[in-house]
């Protein structure tokens, strides 16, 4: 953003309260004649995906709403202690030139004791991506037969 300053300054100097007030509002919500809202400082979240993470004694499961994505638009990978889900869908506009893009990236921490080598993912007919893995079997959890 460029500011063009006049060749001669006003007698009282630059009226900074008029120049900066839209840029740096006071925390009480007003500065001079300008009002602002805290929601202007917080970006709106992308509500195209919602997730539910569960973990019990037998299984770790992540369910992600991906109804606006095709299975080929999704990528699931394990990186360290996280499972990452990426989705990117592009389609040409029907009413003229242009492209509509929808994408998301999410990371979910994998709890200790999950068998990441057995992690599986699938998309349900309802558009829910289900990522699941069993817990590692320990000597204490194995039953004697």
N, C-alpha and C. Protein backbone atom coordinates (compact mmCIF):
# COMPACT_ATOMS: atom_id res chain seq x y z
N UNK A 1 0.85 -1.16 0.00
CA UNK A 1 0.00 0.00 0.00
C UNK A 1 0.90 1.23 0.00
N UNK A 2 0.69 2.12 -0.93
CA UNK A 2 1.49 3.34 -1.02
C UNK A 2 0.69 4.52 -0.49
N UNK A 3 1.39 5.41 0.18
CA UNK A 3 0.78 6.64 0.67
C UNK A 3 1.44 7.80 -0.05
N UNK A 4 0.63 8.69 -0.55
CA UNK A 4 1.17 9.88 -1.20
C UNK A 4 1.00 11.04 -0.23
N UNK A 5 2.12 11.60 0.19
CA UNK A 5 2.08 12.71 1.13
C UNK A 5 2.10 14.03 0.35
N UNK A 6 1.36 15.02 0.83
CA UNK A 6 1.36 16.32 0.15
C UNK A 6 2.73 16.98 0.28
N UNK A 7 3.02 17.89 -0.67
CA UNK A 7 4.29 18.59 -0.66
C UNK A 7 4.47 19.40 0.62
N UNK A 8 3.39 20.03 1.09
CA UNK A 8 3.47 20.79 2.34
C UNK A 8 2.57 20.13 3.36
N UNK A 9 3.04 20.04 4.57
CA UNK A 9 2.28 19.42 5.63
C UNK A 9 1.38 20.44 6.31
N UNK A 10 0.25 19.99 6.84
CA UNK A 10 -0.59 20.91 7.60
C UNK A 10 0.18 21.47 8.79
N UNK A 11 -0.30 22.59 9.31
CA UNK A 11 0.38 23.26 10.42
C UNK A 11 0.52 22.32 11.61
N UNK A 12 -0.47 21.54 11.92
CA UNK A 12 -0.43 20.65 13.07
C UNK A 12 0.29 19.34 12.78
N UNK A 13 0.83 19.15 11.60
CA UNK A 13 1.47 17.89 11.22
C UNK A 13 0.48 16.97 10.53
N UNK A 14 0.89 15.76 10.30
CA UNK A 14 0.04 14.78 9.63
C UNK A 14 -1.04 14.32 10.62
N UNK A 15 -2.31 14.36 10.22
CA UNK A 15 -3.38 13.89 11.11
C UNK A 15 -3.41 12.36 11.15
N UNK A 16 -2.48 11.77 11.92
CA UNK A 16 -2.32 10.32 11.94
C UNK A 16 -3.58 9.59 12.38
N UNK A 17 -4.40 10.22 13.21
CA UNK A 17 -5.62 9.53 13.64
C UNK A 17 -6.56 9.28 12.48
N UNK A 18 -6.47 10.10 11.43
CA UNK A 18 -7.30 9.87 10.24
C UNK A 18 -6.64 8.90 9.28
N UNK A 19 -5.33 8.87 9.27
CA UNK A 19 -4.61 7.99 8.34
C UNK A 19 -4.56 6.56 8.87
N UNK A 20 -4.24 6.42 10.16
CA UNK A 20 -4.01 5.09 10.71
C UNK A 20 -5.23 4.44 11.34
N UNK A 21 -6.25 5.19 11.64
CA UNK A 21 -7.38 4.60 12.37
C UNK A 21 -8.02 3.42 11.65
N UNK A 22 -8.17 3.45 10.34
CA UNK A 22 -8.72 2.24 9.71
C UNK A 22 -7.75 1.07 9.74
N UNK A 23 -6.44 1.37 9.85
CA UNK A 23 -5.44 0.31 9.82
C UNK A 23 -5.15 -0.28 11.19
N UNK A 24 -5.16 0.55 12.23
CA UNK A 24 -4.83 0.09 13.59
C UNK A 24 -5.91 0.57 14.54
N UNK A 25 -7.03 -0.14 14.62
CA UNK A 25 -8.10 0.30 15.53
C UNK A 25 -7.75 0.00 16.98
N UNK A 26 -8.34 0.76 17.86
CA UNK A 26 -8.18 0.48 19.29
C UNK A 26 -8.92 -0.79 19.63
N UNK A 27 -8.52 -1.43 20.70
CA UNK A 27 -9.16 -2.68 21.08
C UNK A 27 -10.57 -2.50 21.63
N UNK A 28 -10.95 -1.27 21.98
CA UNK A 28 -12.31 -1.08 22.49
C UNK A 28 -13.33 -0.99 21.37
N UNK A 29 -12.89 -1.06 20.12
CA UNK A 29 -13.83 -1.11 19.01
C UNK A 29 -13.97 0.19 18.25
N UNK A 30 -13.43 1.28 18.75
CA UNK A 30 -13.55 2.53 18.02
C UNK A 30 -12.23 3.28 18.04
N UNK A 31 -12.03 4.06 17.05
CA UNK A 31 -10.90 4.99 17.03
C UNK A 31 -11.35 6.15 16.17
N UNK A 32 -11.51 7.27 16.76
CA UNK A 32 -12.02 8.41 16.01
C UNK A 32 -13.43 8.13 15.54
N UNK A 33 -13.64 8.34 14.26
CA UNK A 33 -14.96 8.15 13.69
C UNK A 33 -15.17 6.72 13.16
N UNK A 34 -14.17 5.88 13.27
CA UNK A 34 -14.23 4.56 12.65
C UNK A 34 -14.58 3.48 13.66
N UNK A 35 -15.48 2.61 13.28
CA UNK A 35 -15.83 1.45 14.10
C UNK A 35 -15.26 0.21 13.44
N UNK A 36 -14.98 -0.79 14.25
CA UNK A 36 -14.50 -2.04 13.68
C UNK A 36 -15.03 -3.18 14.51
N UNK A 37 -14.91 -4.35 14.00
CA UNK A 37 -15.39 -5.53 14.69
C UNK A 37 -14.25 -6.53 14.79
N UNK A 38 -14.11 -7.23 15.93
CA UNK A 38 -13.06 -8.23 16.05
C UNK A 38 -13.15 -9.32 14.99
N UNK A 39 -14.37 -9.57 14.46
CA UNK A 39 -14.48 -10.63 13.46
C UNK A 39 -13.77 -10.26 12.17
N UNK A 40 -13.45 -8.98 11.99
CA UNK A 40 -12.68 -8.58 10.82
C UNK A 40 -11.25 -9.10 10.91
N UNK A 41 -10.76 -9.33 12.13
CA UNK A 41 -9.39 -9.78 12.32
C UNK A 41 -9.25 -11.30 12.28
N UNK A 42 -10.36 -12.02 12.40
CA UNK A 42 -10.32 -13.47 12.42
C UNK A 42 -10.86 -13.98 11.08
N UNK A 43 -10.06 -14.72 10.33
CA UNK A 43 -10.55 -15.20 9.05
C UNK A 43 -11.68 -16.20 9.24
N UNK A 44 -12.61 -16.19 8.31
CA UNK A 44 -13.69 -17.14 8.39
C UNK A 44 -13.14 -18.52 8.10
N UNK A 45 -13.64 -19.50 8.82
CA UNK A 45 -13.15 -20.85 8.61
C UNK A 45 -13.84 -21.47 7.41
N UNK A 46 -13.14 -22.38 6.81
CA UNK A 46 -13.69 -23.11 5.68
C UNK A 46 -14.56 -24.23 6.24
N UNK A 47 -15.87 -24.08 6.14
CA UNK A 47 -16.77 -25.06 6.71
C UNK A 47 -17.13 -26.17 5.74
N UNK A 48 -16.32 -26.33 4.68
CA UNK A 48 -16.62 -27.38 3.72
C UNK A 48 -16.25 -28.74 4.26
N UNK A 49 -15.45 -28.80 5.31
CA UNK A 49 -15.10 -30.09 5.89
C UNK A 49 -15.27 -30.05 7.39
N UNK A 50 -15.80 -31.12 7.93
CA UNK A 50 -15.84 -31.26 9.38
C UNK A 50 -15.36 -32.66 9.69
N UNK A 51 -14.82 -32.85 10.88
CA UNK A 51 -14.22 -34.14 11.20
C UNK A 51 -14.60 -34.59 12.59
N UNK A 52 -14.54 -35.89 12.78
CA UNK A 52 -14.75 -36.50 14.09
C UNK A 52 -13.62 -37.51 14.30
N UNK A 53 -12.90 -37.35 15.39
CA UNK A 53 -11.78 -38.23 15.70
C UNK A 53 -12.13 -39.04 16.94
N UNK A 54 -11.97 -40.36 16.86
CA UNK A 54 -12.23 -41.22 18.01
C UNK A 54 -11.07 -42.21 18.17
N UNK A 55 -10.83 -42.56 19.40
CA UNK A 55 -9.80 -43.55 19.70
C UNK A 55 -10.22 -44.29 20.95
N UNK A 56 -10.30 -45.61 20.85
CA UNK A 56 -10.61 -46.42 22.02
C UNK A 56 -9.54 -47.50 22.16
N UNK A 57 -9.82 -48.51 22.95
CA UNK A 57 -8.81 -49.54 23.21
C UNK A 57 -8.48 -50.38 21.98
N UNK A 58 -9.37 -50.39 20.99
CA UNK A 58 -9.15 -51.27 19.84
C UNK A 58 -8.86 -50.55 18.53
N UNK A 59 -9.27 -49.26 18.41
CA UNK A 59 -9.20 -48.64 17.09
C UNK A 59 -9.08 -47.12 17.17
N UNK A 60 -8.35 -46.55 16.20
CA UNK A 60 -8.25 -45.11 15.98
C UNK A 60 -9.00 -44.81 14.69
N UNK A 61 -9.92 -43.84 14.73
CA UNK A 61 -10.74 -43.53 13.56
C UNK A 61 -10.88 -42.03 13.39
N UNK A 62 -10.76 -41.59 12.14
CA UNK A 62 -11.03 -40.20 11.77
C UNK A 62 -12.09 -40.24 10.68
N UNK A 63 -13.15 -39.46 10.86
CA UNK A 63 -14.19 -39.36 9.85
C UNK A 63 -14.27 -37.91 9.39
N UNK A 64 -14.08 -37.69 8.10
CA UNK A 64 -14.05 -36.35 7.54
C UNK A 64 -15.14 -36.23 6.48
N UNK A 65 -15.93 -35.17 6.57
CA UNK A 65 -16.97 -34.91 5.59
C UNK A 65 -16.31 -34.38 4.32
N UNK A 66 -16.37 -35.17 3.25
CA UNK A 66 -15.75 -34.79 1.97
C UNK A 66 -16.77 -34.89 0.84
N UNK A 67 -18.02 -34.58 1.14
CA UNK A 67 -19.08 -34.78 0.15
C UNK A 67 -18.92 -33.92 -1.11
N UNK A 68 -18.11 -32.86 -1.05
CA UNK A 68 -17.91 -32.01 -2.22
C UNK A 68 -16.69 -32.43 -3.04
N UNK A 69 -16.10 -33.58 -2.68
CA UNK A 69 -14.89 -34.05 -3.36
C UNK A 69 -15.10 -35.46 -3.89
N UNK A 70 -14.46 -35.75 -5.01
CA UNK A 70 -14.45 -37.11 -5.54
C UNK A 70 -13.30 -37.86 -4.87
N UNK A 71 -13.39 -39.20 -4.79
CA UNK A 71 -12.30 -39.95 -4.16
C UNK A 71 -10.94 -39.68 -4.79
N UNK A 72 -10.89 -39.44 -6.11
CA UNK A 72 -9.62 -39.16 -6.76
C UNK A 72 -9.08 -37.76 -6.44
N UNK A 73 -9.91 -36.91 -5.81
CA UNK A 73 -9.47 -35.57 -5.40
C UNK A 73 -8.79 -35.59 -4.03
N UNK A 74 -8.77 -36.76 -3.36
CA UNK A 74 -8.29 -36.85 -1.98
C UNK A 74 -6.94 -37.54 -1.90
N UNK A 75 -6.14 -37.11 -0.93
CA UNK A 75 -4.85 -37.73 -0.65
C UNK A 75 -4.73 -37.89 0.86
N UNK A 76 -4.45 -39.12 1.30
CA UNK A 76 -4.28 -39.42 2.72
C UNK A 76 -2.87 -39.97 2.89
N UNK A 77 -2.11 -39.39 3.81
CA UNK A 77 -0.75 -39.90 4.03
C UNK A 77 -0.38 -39.74 5.50
N UNK A 78 0.54 -40.60 5.94
CA UNK A 78 1.04 -40.56 7.30
C UNK A 78 2.41 -39.91 7.26
N UNK A 79 2.58 -38.86 8.06
CA UNK A 79 3.86 -38.18 8.18
C UNK A 79 4.17 -38.06 9.67
N UNK A 80 5.13 -38.83 10.11
CA UNK A 80 5.49 -38.82 11.53
C UNK A 80 4.34 -39.29 12.38
N UNK A 81 3.94 -38.47 13.35
CA UNK A 81 2.83 -38.80 14.25
C UNK A 81 1.50 -38.24 13.77
N UNK A 82 1.41 -37.88 12.51
CA UNK A 82 0.19 -37.26 11.98
C UNK A 82 -0.31 -38.00 10.76
N UNK A 83 -1.62 -37.99 10.59
CA UNK A 83 -2.22 -38.40 9.33
C UNK A 83 -2.69 -37.11 8.68
N UNK A 84 -2.29 -36.90 7.44
CA UNK A 84 -2.65 -35.69 6.70
C UNK A 84 -3.67 -36.05 5.64
N UNK A 85 -4.67 -35.20 5.53
CA UNK A 85 -5.71 -35.36 4.52
C UNK A 85 -5.71 -34.10 3.67
N UNK A 86 -5.61 -34.29 2.37
CA UNK A 86 -5.65 -33.17 1.44
C UNK A 86 -6.73 -33.44 0.41
N UNK A 87 -7.46 -32.41 0.08
CA UNK A 87 -8.47 -32.52 -0.96
C UNK A 87 -8.41 -31.32 -1.86
N UNK A 88 -8.49 -31.56 -3.17
CA UNK A 88 -8.52 -30.45 -4.13
C UNK A 88 -9.41 -30.86 -5.28
N UNK A 89 -10.44 -30.04 -5.50
CA UNK A 89 -11.40 -30.30 -6.57
C UNK A 89 -11.49 -29.06 -7.46
N UNK A 90 -11.34 -29.27 -8.74
CA UNK A 90 -11.47 -28.17 -9.70
C UNK A 90 -12.52 -28.55 -10.73
N UNK A 91 -13.30 -27.57 -11.11
CA UNK A 91 -14.25 -27.80 -12.20
C UNK A 91 -14.44 -26.51 -12.98
N UNK A 92 -14.69 -26.68 -14.28
CA UNK A 92 -14.91 -25.53 -15.14
C UNK A 92 -16.29 -24.97 -14.87
N UNK A 93 -16.38 -23.65 -14.90
CA UNK A 93 -17.68 -23.01 -14.70
C UNK A 93 -18.59 -23.36 -15.88
N UNK A 94 -19.84 -23.61 -15.57
CA UNK A 94 -20.80 -23.99 -16.60
C UNK A 94 -21.28 -22.78 -17.40
N UNK A 95 -21.24 -21.61 -16.77
CA UNK A 95 -21.80 -20.41 -17.41
C UNK A 95 -20.73 -19.52 -18.05
N UNK A 96 -19.62 -20.08 -18.45
CA UNK A 96 -18.60 -19.27 -19.11
C UNK A 96 -17.20 -19.70 -18.74
N UNK A 97 -16.24 -18.88 -19.14
CA UNK A 97 -14.85 -19.24 -18.85
C UNK A 97 -14.55 -19.09 -17.36
N UNK A 98 -13.61 -19.84 -16.92
CA UNK A 98 -13.22 -19.76 -15.51
C UNK A 98 -13.18 -21.14 -14.88
N UNK A 99 -12.66 -21.17 -13.68
CA UNK A 99 -12.46 -22.41 -12.96
C UNK A 99 -12.85 -22.20 -11.51
N UNK A 100 -13.58 -23.15 -10.95
CA UNK A 100 -13.91 -23.12 -9.54
C UNK A 100 -13.04 -24.15 -8.83
N UNK A 101 -12.36 -23.72 -7.77
CA UNK A 101 -11.47 -24.61 -7.02
C UNK A 101 -11.90 -24.67 -5.57
N UNK A 102 -11.92 -25.85 -5.04
CA UNK A 102 -12.21 -26.06 -3.62
C UNK A 102 -11.11 -26.97 -3.09
N UNK A 103 -10.49 -26.57 -1.97
CA UNK A 103 -9.44 -27.43 -1.42
C UNK A 103 -9.35 -27.28 0.09
N UNK A 104 -8.76 -28.29 0.73
CA UNK A 104 -8.53 -28.26 2.16
C UNK A 104 -7.31 -29.11 2.49
N UNK A 105 -6.71 -28.82 3.62
CA UNK A 105 -5.60 -29.58 4.18
C UNK A 105 -5.87 -29.72 5.67
N UNK A 106 -5.82 -30.94 6.18
CA UNK A 106 -6.05 -31.18 7.60
C UNK A 106 -4.99 -32.16 8.11
N UNK A 107 -4.61 -31.98 9.38
CA UNK A 107 -3.68 -32.89 10.04
C UNK A 107 -4.30 -33.35 11.35
N UNK A 108 -4.17 -34.65 11.62
CA UNK A 108 -4.70 -35.22 12.85
C UNK A 108 -3.57 -36.01 13.52
N UNK A 109 -3.35 -35.75 14.80
CA UNK A 109 -2.29 -36.46 15.53
C UNK A 109 -2.73 -37.90 15.77
N UNK A 110 -1.81 -38.80 15.48
CA UNK A 110 -2.06 -40.22 15.71
C UNK A 110 -1.60 -40.55 17.13
N UNK A 111 -2.49 -41.07 17.95
CA UNK A 111 -2.10 -41.40 19.33
C UNK A 111 -1.05 -42.51 19.37
N UNK A 112 -0.31 -42.54 20.45
CA UNK A 112 0.67 -43.62 20.65
C UNK A 112 -0.08 -44.95 20.74
N UNK A 113 0.53 -45.98 20.21
CA UNK A 113 -0.07 -47.30 20.27
C UNK A 113 -0.92 -47.66 19.06
N UNK A 114 -1.00 -46.78 18.05
CA UNK A 114 -1.78 -47.07 16.85
C UNK A 114 -0.86 -47.73 15.82
N UNK A 115 -1.35 -48.77 15.18
CA UNK A 115 -0.59 -49.48 14.15
C UNK A 115 -0.71 -48.70 12.83
N UNK A 116 0.20 -47.78 12.59
CA UNK A 116 0.11 -46.92 11.40
C UNK A 116 0.33 -47.71 10.11
N UNK A 117 1.00 -48.85 10.19
CA UNK A 117 1.21 -49.66 8.99
C UNK A 117 -0.09 -50.32 8.52
N UNK A 118 -1.07 -50.40 9.38
CA UNK A 118 -2.36 -51.00 9.04
C UNK A 118 -3.43 -49.94 8.77
N UNK A 119 -3.03 -48.69 8.63
CA UNK A 119 -3.99 -47.61 8.42
C UNK A 119 -4.69 -47.79 7.07
N UNK A 120 -6.00 -47.63 7.08
CA UNK A 120 -6.82 -47.76 5.87
C UNK A 120 -7.70 -46.54 5.73
N UNK A 121 -8.08 -46.24 4.47
CA UNK A 121 -9.02 -45.14 4.25
C UNK A 121 -9.97 -45.53 3.13
N UNK A 122 -11.21 -45.03 3.25
CA UNK A 122 -12.24 -45.29 2.25
C UNK A 122 -13.28 -44.18 2.35
N UNK A 123 -13.98 -43.94 1.24
CA UNK A 123 -15.04 -42.94 1.20
C UNK A 123 -16.38 -43.67 1.16
N UNK A 124 -17.26 -43.32 2.09
CA UNK A 124 -18.59 -43.94 2.14
C UNK A 124 -19.48 -43.35 1.06
N UNK A 125 -20.60 -44.02 0.73
CA UNK A 125 -21.54 -43.46 -0.25
C UNK A 125 -22.11 -42.10 0.16
N UNK A 126 -22.10 -41.81 1.48
CA UNK A 126 -22.61 -40.52 1.97
C UNK A 126 -21.58 -39.41 1.88
N UNK A 127 -20.37 -39.71 1.40
CA UNK A 127 -19.34 -38.70 1.27
C UNK A 127 -18.52 -38.48 2.53
N UNK A 128 -18.37 -39.51 3.35
CA UNK A 128 -17.56 -39.44 4.56
C UNK A 128 -16.28 -40.24 4.32
N UNK A 129 -15.14 -39.57 4.46
CA UNK A 129 -13.85 -40.25 4.39
C UNK A 129 -13.60 -40.87 5.75
N UNK A 130 -13.39 -42.18 5.77
CA UNK A 130 -13.14 -42.89 7.02
C UNK A 130 -11.71 -43.40 7.00
N UNK A 131 -10.92 -42.91 7.94
CA UNK A 131 -9.53 -43.33 8.10
C UNK A 131 -9.47 -44.09 9.41
N UNK A 132 -8.97 -45.31 9.37
CA UNK A 132 -8.93 -46.08 10.61
C UNK A 132 -7.70 -46.97 10.66
N UNK A 133 -7.30 -47.28 11.88
CA UNK A 133 -6.18 -48.17 12.13
C UNK A 133 -6.39 -48.83 13.47
N UNK A 134 -6.01 -50.11 13.58
CA UNK A 134 -6.14 -50.79 14.87
C UNK A 134 -5.03 -50.35 15.82
N UNK A 135 -5.26 -50.59 17.09
CA UNK A 135 -4.22 -50.36 18.08
C UNK A 135 -3.24 -51.53 18.01
N UNK A 136 -1.98 -51.26 18.31
CA UNK A 136 -0.98 -52.33 18.35
C UNK A 136 -1.33 -53.29 19.48
N UNK A 137 -1.13 -54.56 19.23
CA UNK A 137 -1.40 -55.56 20.25
C UNK A 137 -0.21 -55.62 21.20
N UNK A 138 -0.45 -55.50 22.48
CA UNK A 138 0.61 -55.63 23.47
C UNK A 138 0.44 -56.96 24.20
N UNK A 139 1.44 -57.35 24.94
CA UNK A 139 1.35 -58.61 25.67
C UNK A 139 0.20 -58.60 26.67
N UNK A 140 -0.08 -57.44 27.26
CA UNK A 140 -1.15 -57.36 28.25
C UNK A 140 -2.53 -57.48 27.60
N UNK A 141 -2.65 -57.02 26.33
CA UNK A 141 -3.97 -57.00 25.71
C UNK A 141 -4.30 -58.32 24.99
N UNK A 142 -3.30 -59.19 24.78
CA UNK A 142 -3.57 -60.45 24.12
C UNK A 142 -4.19 -61.42 25.11
N UNK A 143 -5.22 -62.09 24.67
CA UNK A 143 -5.87 -63.05 25.56
C UNK A 143 -5.21 -64.42 25.41
N UNK A 144 -5.14 -65.11 26.49
CA UNK A 144 -4.56 -66.45 26.47
C UNK A 144 -5.66 -67.44 26.13
N UNK A 145 -5.36 -68.34 25.18
CA UNK A 145 -6.36 -69.33 24.81
C UNK A 145 -5.86 -70.72 25.06
